[in-house]
N, C-alpha and C. Protein backbone atom coordinates (compact mmCIF):
# COMPACT_ATOMS: atom_id res chain seq x y z
N UNK A 1 -12.23 -65.18 30.15
CA UNK A 1 -12.35 -63.82 29.66
C UNK A 1 -10.98 -63.15 29.73
N UNK A 2 -10.58 -62.48 28.68
CA UNK A 2 -9.27 -61.82 28.70
C UNK A 2 -9.26 -60.59 29.59
N UNK A 3 -8.08 -60.19 30.00
CA UNK A 3 -7.88 -58.93 30.69
C UNK A 3 -8.04 -57.81 29.68
N UNK A 4 -8.68 -56.73 30.07
CA UNK A 4 -8.84 -55.59 29.16
C UNK A 4 -8.43 -54.30 29.85
N UNK A 5 -7.80 -53.42 29.08
CA UNK A 5 -7.45 -52.09 29.56
C UNK A 5 -7.58 -51.13 28.40
N UNK A 6 -7.71 -49.86 28.72
CA UNK A 6 -7.91 -48.86 27.68
C UNK A 6 -6.79 -47.83 27.71
N UNK A 7 -6.36 -47.46 26.51
CA UNK A 7 -5.38 -46.38 26.34
C UNK A 7 -6.17 -45.17 25.87
N UNK A 8 -6.14 -44.10 26.65
CA UNK A 8 -6.90 -42.89 26.32
C UNK A 8 -5.96 -41.70 26.23
N UNK A 9 -6.41 -40.68 25.55
CA UNK A 9 -5.63 -39.44 25.40
C UNK A 9 -6.23 -38.60 24.30
N UNK A 10 -5.79 -37.38 24.22
CA UNK A 10 -6.29 -36.49 23.17
C UNK A 10 -5.72 -36.89 21.82
N UNK A 11 -6.34 -36.42 20.75
CA UNK A 11 -5.92 -36.70 19.38
C UNK A 11 -4.42 -36.37 19.21
N UNK A 12 -3.69 -37.28 18.61
CA UNK A 12 -2.25 -37.14 18.34
C UNK A 12 -1.38 -37.10 19.59
N UNK A 13 -1.88 -37.65 20.69
CA UNK A 13 -1.09 -37.66 21.93
C UNK A 13 -0.08 -38.81 21.98
N UNK A 14 -0.25 -39.81 21.13
CA UNK A 14 0.66 -40.95 21.13
C UNK A 14 -0.01 -42.25 21.54
N UNK A 15 -1.32 -42.30 21.54
CA UNK A 15 -2.05 -43.51 21.95
C UNK A 15 -1.69 -44.70 21.07
N UNK A 16 -1.72 -44.51 19.76
CA UNK A 16 -1.45 -45.62 18.85
C UNK A 16 -0.02 -46.11 19.00
N UNK A 17 0.93 -45.20 19.13
CA UNK A 17 2.33 -45.60 19.32
C UNK A 17 2.48 -46.42 20.59
N UNK A 18 1.83 -45.99 21.67
CA UNK A 18 1.89 -46.75 22.92
C UNK A 18 1.25 -48.12 22.75
N UNK A 19 0.11 -48.18 22.08
CA UNK A 19 -0.55 -49.48 21.83
C UNK A 19 0.37 -50.42 21.07
N UNK A 20 1.01 -49.92 20.02
CA UNK A 20 1.92 -50.74 19.21
C UNK A 20 3.05 -51.28 20.08
N UNK A 21 3.64 -50.43 20.89
CA UNK A 21 4.75 -50.86 21.74
C UNK A 21 4.30 -51.86 22.79
N UNK A 22 3.09 -51.68 23.33
CA UNK A 22 2.55 -52.66 24.28
C UNK A 22 2.30 -54.00 23.60
N UNK A 23 1.71 -53.97 22.41
CA UNK A 23 1.47 -55.22 21.66
C UNK A 23 2.79 -55.94 21.44
N UNK A 24 3.81 -55.23 20.97
CA UNK A 24 5.11 -55.86 20.72
C UNK A 24 5.67 -56.49 21.99
N UNK A 25 5.58 -55.78 23.11
CA UNK A 25 6.12 -56.29 24.37
C UNK A 25 5.34 -57.51 24.86
N UNK A 26 4.01 -57.46 24.76
CA UNK A 26 3.19 -58.58 25.23
C UNK A 26 3.33 -59.79 24.31
N UNK A 27 3.40 -59.56 23.01
CA UNK A 27 3.63 -60.67 22.07
C UNK A 27 5.01 -61.29 22.31
N UNK A 28 5.98 -60.46 22.67
CA UNK A 28 7.31 -60.96 22.98
C UNK A 28 7.32 -61.88 24.19
N UNK A 29 6.30 -61.82 25.01
CA UNK A 29 6.14 -62.69 26.18
C UNK A 29 5.30 -63.92 25.85
N UNK A 30 4.87 -64.02 24.58
CA UNK A 30 4.08 -65.17 24.17
C UNK A 30 2.60 -65.05 24.42
N UNK A 31 2.11 -63.84 24.72
CA UNK A 31 0.69 -63.66 24.99
C UNK A 31 -0.09 -63.40 23.70
N UNK A 32 -1.32 -63.85 23.67
CA UNK A 32 -2.22 -63.54 22.56
C UNK A 32 -2.89 -62.21 22.87
N UNK A 33 -2.78 -61.25 21.96
CA UNK A 33 -3.22 -59.89 22.20
C UNK A 33 -4.21 -59.45 21.13
N UNK A 34 -5.28 -58.80 21.54
CA UNK A 34 -6.22 -58.17 20.61
C UNK A 34 -6.22 -56.68 20.88
N UNK A 35 -6.36 -55.90 19.82
CA UNK A 35 -6.51 -54.46 19.94
C UNK A 35 -7.84 -54.08 19.31
N UNK A 36 -8.62 -53.30 20.03
CA UNK A 36 -9.89 -52.81 19.52
C UNK A 36 -9.83 -51.29 19.59
N UNK A 37 -9.96 -50.66 18.43
CA UNK A 37 -9.85 -49.20 18.36
C UNK A 37 -11.24 -48.59 18.18
N UNK A 38 -11.50 -47.53 18.93
CA UNK A 38 -12.76 -46.80 18.79
C UNK A 38 -12.54 -45.63 17.84
N UNK A 39 -13.48 -45.43 16.94
CA UNK A 39 -13.40 -44.31 16.01
C UNK A 39 -14.65 -43.46 16.15
N UNK A 40 -14.46 -42.20 16.47
CA UNK A 40 -15.60 -41.28 16.59
C UNK A 40 -16.16 -40.92 15.22
N UNK A 41 -15.31 -40.92 14.20
CA UNK A 41 -15.70 -40.41 12.89
C UNK A 41 -16.23 -41.48 11.94
N UNK A 42 -16.21 -42.73 12.33
CA UNK A 42 -16.55 -43.79 11.39
C UNK A 42 -15.33 -44.16 10.57
N UNK A 43 -15.46 -45.16 9.73
CA UNK A 43 -14.30 -45.61 8.97
C UNK A 43 -14.75 -46.46 7.79
N UNK A 44 -13.87 -46.66 6.85
CA UNK A 44 -14.08 -47.56 5.71
C UNK A 44 -12.88 -48.50 5.66
N UNK A 45 -13.15 -49.80 5.51
CA UNK A 45 -12.03 -50.73 5.40
C UNK A 45 -12.01 -51.47 4.07
N UNK A 46 -12.96 -51.19 3.21
CA UNK A 46 -13.02 -51.85 1.92
C UNK A 46 -12.79 -50.81 0.82
N UNK A 47 -12.43 -51.28 -0.36
CA UNK A 47 -12.16 -50.38 -1.47
C UNK A 47 -13.21 -50.57 -2.57
N UNK A 48 -13.68 -49.45 -3.16
CA UNK A 48 -14.62 -49.57 -4.27
C UNK A 48 -14.06 -50.47 -5.38
N UNK A 49 -14.93 -51.30 -5.91
CA UNK A 49 -14.54 -52.18 -7.01
C UNK A 49 -14.20 -53.60 -6.58
N UNK A 50 -13.84 -53.80 -5.30
CA UNK A 50 -13.53 -55.16 -4.86
C UNK A 50 -14.81 -55.97 -4.75
N UNK A 51 -14.68 -57.28 -4.79
CA UNK A 51 -15.85 -58.14 -4.66
C UNK A 51 -16.59 -57.88 -3.35
N UNK A 52 -15.83 -57.79 -2.25
CA UNK A 52 -16.48 -57.59 -0.95
C UNK A 52 -17.20 -56.25 -0.90
N UNK A 53 -16.65 -55.23 -1.51
CA UNK A 53 -17.30 -53.93 -1.57
C UNK A 53 -18.62 -54.04 -2.33
N UNK A 54 -18.59 -54.77 -3.45
CA UNK A 54 -19.79 -54.93 -4.26
C UNK A 54 -20.87 -55.69 -3.49
N UNK A 55 -20.47 -56.70 -2.70
CA UNK A 55 -21.45 -57.45 -1.90
C UNK A 55 -22.13 -56.51 -0.89
N UNK A 56 -21.32 -55.70 -0.23
CA UNK A 56 -21.86 -54.76 0.77
C UNK A 56 -22.77 -53.73 0.10
N UNK A 57 -22.34 -53.21 -1.04
CA UNK A 57 -23.14 -52.24 -1.78
C UNK A 57 -24.47 -52.83 -2.23
N UNK A 58 -24.48 -54.15 -2.47
CA UNK A 58 -25.72 -54.82 -2.87
C UNK A 58 -26.68 -54.98 -1.70
N UNK A 59 -26.18 -54.74 -0.49
CA UNK A 59 -27.06 -54.78 0.68
C UNK A 59 -26.78 -55.89 1.67
N UNK A 60 -25.72 -56.67 1.47
CA UNK A 60 -25.41 -57.74 2.43
C UNK A 60 -25.24 -57.14 3.82
N UNK A 61 -25.79 -57.79 4.82
CA UNK A 61 -25.65 -57.33 6.20
C UNK A 61 -24.29 -57.68 6.78
N UNK A 62 -23.72 -58.80 6.32
CA UNK A 62 -22.38 -59.23 6.73
C UNK A 62 -21.64 -59.68 5.49
N UNK A 63 -20.40 -59.23 5.37
CA UNK A 63 -19.52 -59.69 4.30
C UNK A 63 -18.24 -60.17 4.97
N UNK A 64 -17.83 -61.38 4.66
CA UNK A 64 -16.58 -61.91 5.22
C UNK A 64 -15.68 -62.35 4.08
N UNK A 65 -14.40 -62.21 4.30
CA UNK A 65 -13.41 -62.71 3.37
C UNK A 65 -12.36 -63.44 4.19
N UNK A 66 -12.00 -64.63 3.73
CA UNK A 66 -11.07 -65.46 4.50
C UNK A 66 -10.03 -66.07 3.59
N UNK A 67 -8.85 -66.25 4.14
CA UNK A 67 -7.77 -66.95 3.46
C UNK A 67 -7.06 -67.82 4.49
N UNK A 68 -5.97 -68.43 4.10
CA UNK A 68 -5.22 -69.25 5.06
C UNK A 68 -4.59 -68.42 6.17
N UNK A 69 -4.39 -67.13 5.92
CA UNK A 69 -3.65 -66.32 6.90
C UNK A 69 -4.44 -65.18 7.51
N UNK A 70 -5.65 -64.92 7.04
CA UNK A 70 -6.39 -63.77 7.58
C UNK A 70 -7.89 -63.94 7.38
N UNK A 71 -8.63 -63.21 8.20
CA UNK A 71 -10.09 -63.17 8.13
C UNK A 71 -10.51 -61.73 8.35
N UNK A 72 -11.39 -61.23 7.50
CA UNK A 72 -11.97 -59.90 7.69
C UNK A 72 -13.48 -60.05 7.67
N UNK A 73 -14.13 -59.32 8.56
CA UNK A 73 -15.57 -59.42 8.75
C UNK A 73 -16.12 -58.01 8.76
N UNK A 74 -16.97 -57.68 7.81
CA UNK A 74 -17.57 -56.35 7.74
C UNK A 74 -19.06 -56.54 8.00
N UNK A 75 -19.54 -55.84 9.00
CA UNK A 75 -20.93 -56.03 9.43
C UNK A 75 -21.61 -54.68 9.58
N UNK A 76 -22.80 -54.57 9.05
CA UNK A 76 -23.59 -53.36 9.25
C UNK A 76 -24.16 -53.42 10.67
N UNK A 77 -24.08 -52.32 11.39
CA UNK A 77 -24.56 -52.29 12.78
C UNK A 77 -25.68 -51.27 12.90
N UNK A 78 -26.80 -51.66 13.50
CA UNK A 78 -27.88 -50.69 13.71
C UNK A 78 -27.52 -49.67 14.79
N UNK A 79 -26.58 -50.05 15.68
CA UNK A 79 -26.11 -49.16 16.74
C UNK A 79 -24.66 -49.53 17.04
N UNK A 80 -23.93 -48.59 17.60
CA UNK A 80 -22.53 -48.85 17.93
C UNK A 80 -22.44 -49.94 19.00
N UNK A 81 -21.67 -51.01 18.73
CA UNK A 81 -21.56 -52.07 19.74
C UNK A 81 -20.72 -51.60 20.93
N UNK A 82 -21.02 -52.15 22.10
CA UNK A 82 -20.23 -51.83 23.29
C UNK A 82 -18.92 -52.60 23.22
N UNK A 83 -17.97 -52.15 24.00
CA UNK A 83 -16.69 -52.84 24.05
C UNK A 83 -16.88 -54.27 24.56
N UNK A 84 -17.74 -54.48 25.54
CA UNK A 84 -17.95 -55.84 26.05
C UNK A 84 -18.54 -56.75 24.98
N UNK A 85 -19.39 -56.22 24.11
CA UNK A 85 -19.91 -57.01 22.99
C UNK A 85 -18.79 -57.38 22.03
N UNK A 86 -17.90 -56.45 21.77
CA UNK A 86 -16.78 -56.71 20.87
C UNK A 86 -15.83 -57.75 21.47
N UNK A 87 -15.53 -57.61 22.75
CA UNK A 87 -14.65 -58.57 23.41
C UNK A 87 -15.26 -59.97 23.38
N UNK A 88 -16.57 -60.07 23.57
CA UNK A 88 -17.24 -61.37 23.56
C UNK A 88 -17.12 -62.06 22.20
N UNK A 89 -16.90 -61.30 21.14
CA UNK A 89 -16.77 -61.87 19.80
C UNK A 89 -15.35 -62.31 19.47
N UNK A 90 -14.40 -61.98 20.30
CA UNK A 90 -13.00 -62.34 20.01
C UNK A 90 -12.82 -63.85 20.06
N UNK A 91 -11.85 -64.35 19.30
CA UNK A 91 -11.60 -65.79 19.34
C UNK A 91 -11.07 -66.24 20.70
N UNK A 92 -11.27 -67.51 21.00
CA UNK A 92 -10.74 -68.11 22.23
C UNK A 92 -9.23 -67.92 22.29
N UNK A 93 -8.71 -67.82 23.49
CA UNK A 93 -7.26 -67.80 23.66
C UNK A 93 -6.63 -66.43 23.75
N UNK A 94 -7.39 -65.36 23.56
CA UNK A 94 -6.83 -64.02 23.71
C UNK A 94 -6.58 -63.77 25.20
N UNK A 95 -5.36 -63.33 25.52
CA UNK A 95 -4.99 -63.08 26.92
C UNK A 95 -5.26 -61.65 27.35
N UNK A 96 -4.96 -60.70 26.45
CA UNK A 96 -5.04 -59.29 26.79
C UNK A 96 -5.74 -58.54 25.65
N UNK A 97 -6.68 -57.68 26.02
CA UNK A 97 -7.32 -56.79 25.06
C UNK A 97 -6.88 -55.37 25.38
N UNK A 98 -6.32 -54.71 24.39
CA UNK A 98 -5.96 -53.30 24.52
C UNK A 98 -6.99 -52.52 23.72
N UNK A 99 -7.74 -51.68 24.40
CA UNK A 99 -8.74 -50.84 23.74
C UNK A 99 -8.13 -49.46 23.57
N UNK A 100 -8.08 -48.98 22.33
CA UNK A 100 -7.63 -47.61 22.12
C UNK A 100 -8.86 -46.73 22.06
N UNK A 101 -8.96 -45.84 23.03
CA UNK A 101 -10.15 -45.02 23.14
C UNK A 101 -11.11 -45.63 24.14
N UNK A 102 -12.37 -45.67 23.82
CA UNK A 102 -13.39 -46.21 24.73
C UNK A 102 -13.28 -45.56 26.10
N UNK A 103 -13.12 -44.24 26.11
CA UNK A 103 -12.88 -43.53 27.36
C UNK A 103 -14.04 -43.61 28.35
N UNK A 104 -15.24 -43.92 27.86
CA UNK A 104 -16.39 -44.00 28.78
C UNK A 104 -16.64 -45.41 29.30
N UNK A 105 -15.92 -46.39 28.78
CA UNK A 105 -16.09 -47.77 29.24
C UNK A 105 -15.44 -47.93 30.62
N UNK A 106 -16.04 -48.71 31.51
CA UNK A 106 -15.49 -48.89 32.86
C UNK A 106 -14.32 -49.87 32.87
N UNK A 107 -13.19 -49.42 32.39
CA UNK A 107 -11.97 -50.23 32.31
C UNK A 107 -10.83 -49.53 33.01
N UNK A 108 -9.82 -50.29 33.43
CA UNK A 108 -8.58 -49.64 33.86
C UNK A 108 -8.00 -48.86 32.67
N UNK A 109 -7.52 -47.66 32.93
CA UNK A 109 -7.06 -46.80 31.85
C UNK A 109 -5.63 -46.32 32.06
N UNK A 110 -4.94 -46.19 30.94
CA UNK A 110 -3.63 -45.54 30.88
C UNK A 110 -3.85 -44.30 30.03
N UNK A 111 -3.55 -43.14 30.59
CA UNK A 111 -3.77 -41.89 29.87
C UNK A 111 -2.45 -41.36 29.34
N UNK A 112 -2.43 -41.06 28.05
CA UNK A 112 -1.25 -40.52 27.38
C UNK A 112 -1.44 -39.00 27.29
N UNK A 113 -0.48 -38.27 27.81
CA UNK A 113 -0.55 -36.80 27.80
C UNK A 113 0.67 -36.21 27.10
N UNK A 114 0.41 -35.22 26.26
CA UNK A 114 1.46 -34.41 25.65
C UNK A 114 1.02 -32.96 25.72
N UNK A 115 1.91 -32.08 26.12
CA UNK A 115 1.55 -30.68 26.31
C UNK A 115 0.92 -30.07 25.06
N UNK A 116 1.44 -30.40 23.88
CA UNK A 116 0.93 -29.75 22.66
C UNK A 116 -0.40 -30.30 22.16
N UNK A 117 -0.89 -31.43 22.73
CA UNK A 117 -2.15 -31.98 22.25
C UNK A 117 -3.29 -31.87 23.25
N UNK A 118 -3.00 -31.44 24.46
CA UNK A 118 -4.05 -31.27 25.45
C UNK A 118 -3.70 -31.93 26.77
N UNK A 119 -3.91 -31.22 27.85
CA UNK A 119 -3.57 -31.75 29.17
C UNK A 119 -4.78 -31.86 30.09
N UNK A 120 -5.95 -31.52 29.58
CA UNK A 120 -7.18 -31.67 30.36
C UNK A 120 -7.38 -33.16 30.61
N UNK A 121 -7.60 -33.58 31.85
CA UNK A 121 -7.77 -35.00 32.15
C UNK A 121 -8.95 -35.61 31.40
N UNK A 122 -8.78 -36.86 30.98
CA UNK A 122 -9.84 -37.61 30.32
C UNK A 122 -10.38 -38.68 31.26
N UNK A 123 -9.49 -39.47 31.82
CA UNK A 123 -9.90 -40.59 32.68
C UNK A 123 -10.23 -40.13 34.09
N UNK A 124 -11.22 -40.77 34.67
CA UNK A 124 -11.52 -40.52 36.09
C UNK A 124 -10.41 -41.16 36.93
N UNK A 125 -10.04 -40.51 37.99
CA UNK A 125 -8.94 -40.97 38.83
C UNK A 125 -9.12 -42.40 39.29
N UNK A 126 -10.35 -42.80 39.64
CA UNK A 126 -10.58 -44.16 40.14
C UNK A 126 -10.37 -45.23 39.07
N UNK A 127 -10.37 -44.87 37.79
CA UNK A 127 -10.11 -45.83 36.71
C UNK A 127 -8.68 -45.78 36.22
N UNK A 128 -7.95 -44.76 36.60
CA UNK A 128 -6.64 -44.48 36.03
C UNK A 128 -5.55 -45.35 36.66
N UNK A 129 -4.86 -46.11 35.82
CA UNK A 129 -3.71 -46.92 36.27
C UNK A 129 -2.44 -46.09 36.29
N UNK A 130 -2.24 -45.29 35.23
CA UNK A 130 -1.00 -44.55 35.09
C UNK A 130 -1.18 -43.44 34.07
N UNK A 131 -0.28 -42.48 34.15
CA UNK A 131 -0.18 -41.43 33.15
C UNK A 131 1.15 -41.65 32.44
N UNK A 132 1.09 -41.69 31.11
CA UNK A 132 2.30 -41.82 30.30
C UNK A 132 2.57 -40.47 29.67
N UNK A 133 3.71 -39.87 30.04
CA UNK A 133 4.04 -38.54 29.53
C UNK A 133 5.49 -38.22 29.82
N UNK A 134 6.07 -37.40 28.95
CA UNK A 134 7.41 -36.90 29.18
C UNK A 134 7.41 -35.43 29.59
N UNK A 135 6.27 -34.74 29.35
CA UNK A 135 6.31 -33.29 29.51
C UNK A 135 5.13 -32.68 30.27
N UNK A 136 4.30 -33.51 30.87
CA UNK A 136 3.12 -32.98 31.55
C UNK A 136 3.12 -33.42 33.01
N UNK A 137 2.97 -32.46 33.89
CA UNK A 137 2.78 -32.77 35.30
C UNK A 137 1.28 -32.78 35.56
N UNK A 138 0.80 -33.83 36.17
CA UNK A 138 -0.63 -33.99 36.42
C UNK A 138 -0.80 -34.28 37.91
N UNK A 139 -1.76 -33.63 38.58
CA UNK A 139 -1.89 -33.81 40.03
C UNK A 139 -2.56 -35.11 40.46
N UNK A 140 -3.11 -35.89 39.54
CA UNK A 140 -3.80 -37.11 39.96
C UNK A 140 -2.81 -38.09 40.59
N UNK A 141 -3.21 -38.75 41.68
CA UNK A 141 -2.29 -39.60 42.45
C UNK A 141 -2.11 -41.00 41.86
N UNK A 142 -1.50 -41.05 40.68
CA UNK A 142 -1.23 -42.33 40.01
C UNK A 142 0.22 -42.33 39.52
N UNK A 143 0.77 -43.50 39.23
CA UNK A 143 2.14 -43.53 38.72
C UNK A 143 2.27 -42.78 37.40
N UNK A 144 3.42 -42.13 37.23
CA UNK A 144 3.78 -41.49 35.97
C UNK A 144 4.88 -42.31 35.34
N UNK A 145 4.71 -42.58 34.06
CA UNK A 145 5.66 -43.41 33.34
C UNK A 145 6.11 -42.65 32.10
N UNK A 146 7.42 -42.66 31.86
CA UNK A 146 7.96 -41.97 30.69
C UNK A 146 7.47 -42.67 29.42
N UNK A 147 7.32 -41.90 28.37
CA UNK A 147 6.80 -42.39 27.10
C UNK A 147 7.56 -43.61 26.59
N UNK A 148 8.87 -43.64 26.77
CA UNK A 148 9.65 -44.77 26.24
C UNK A 148 9.89 -45.88 27.26
N UNK A 149 9.26 -45.82 28.42
CA UNK A 149 9.47 -46.82 29.47
C UNK A 149 8.42 -47.94 29.41
N UNK A 150 8.45 -48.71 28.34
CA UNK A 150 7.49 -49.81 28.19
C UNK A 150 7.72 -50.87 29.26
N UNK A 151 8.98 -51.12 29.61
CA UNK A 151 9.26 -52.10 30.66
C UNK A 151 8.62 -51.67 31.99
N UNK A 152 8.68 -50.39 32.31
CA UNK A 152 8.05 -49.88 33.53
C UNK A 152 6.54 -50.02 33.48
N UNK A 153 5.96 -49.79 32.32
CA UNK A 153 4.52 -49.93 32.17
C UNK A 153 4.10 -51.40 32.30
N UNK A 154 4.86 -52.29 31.69
CA UNK A 154 4.56 -53.73 31.80
C UNK A 154 4.70 -54.16 33.27
N UNK A 155 5.71 -53.68 33.96
CA UNK A 155 5.89 -54.01 35.39
C UNK A 155 4.67 -53.56 36.20
N UNK A 156 4.14 -52.38 35.90
CA UNK A 156 2.94 -51.90 36.59
C UNK A 156 1.74 -52.80 36.28
N UNK A 157 1.59 -53.19 35.02
CA UNK A 157 0.49 -54.07 34.63
C UNK A 157 0.61 -55.44 35.32
N UNK A 158 1.84 -55.92 35.47
CA UNK A 158 2.07 -57.17 36.22
C UNK A 158 1.67 -56.99 37.69
N UNK A 159 2.14 -55.90 38.28
CA UNK A 159 1.85 -55.62 39.69
C UNK A 159 0.35 -55.56 39.95
N UNK A 160 -0.41 -55.01 39.01
CA UNK A 160 -1.86 -54.89 39.16
C UNK A 160 -2.62 -56.14 38.72
N UNK A 161 -1.87 -57.17 38.28
CA UNK A 161 -2.50 -58.42 37.87
C UNK A 161 -3.18 -58.38 36.52
N UNK A 162 -2.83 -57.40 35.70
CA UNK A 162 -3.46 -57.27 34.38
C UNK A 162 -2.74 -58.07 33.30
N UNK A 163 -1.48 -58.35 33.51
CA UNK A 163 -0.75 -59.28 32.65
C UNK A 163 0.04 -60.23 33.54
N UNK A 164 0.23 -61.48 33.09
CA UNK A 164 0.98 -62.43 33.92
C UNK A 164 2.45 -62.02 34.01
N UNK A 165 3.03 -62.33 35.16
CA UNK A 165 4.47 -62.06 35.33
C UNK A 165 5.26 -62.92 34.36
N UNK A 166 6.38 -62.39 33.91
CA UNK A 166 7.25 -63.11 32.97
C UNK A 166 7.63 -64.45 33.60
N UNK A 167 7.44 -65.52 32.84
CA UNK A 167 7.81 -66.85 33.31
C UNK A 167 6.78 -67.49 34.22
N UNK A 168 5.68 -66.79 34.50
CA UNK A 168 4.66 -67.35 35.40
C UNK A 168 3.76 -68.34 34.68
């Protein structure tokens, strides 16, 4: 089972940017990384007029498209799947799962704070690994990491056993 952690924060706080930088750093270490993003509003990943769109519109419960370099799977869900259900569907060999959002899932969390997007805490202190911020002071007793200090964040993840140490 891969290690999983969640990046949480208010809308436009920098969660996606942090996820991208973490993926780049972990991939640079040779790790297989999956990112699972939670969307409160729903989403569309197909375009009207495409074959896959037409299959779904016809009522297919699952539509998949595959090539030599990519696979996409669109599935109708009667209820929102849990993060653990999504992780169980990942291919073998994934080392680290970064969940963007999923604030209610019982995972170690990194909270991204920016003064202009909201400073009300999201993560419970007992789940919080660190706060990533350049401009917010937060009283919770966890490490604070500057927004651009990806090396410091990776070092913390190593220390907590969430990612393997470089060269290990």
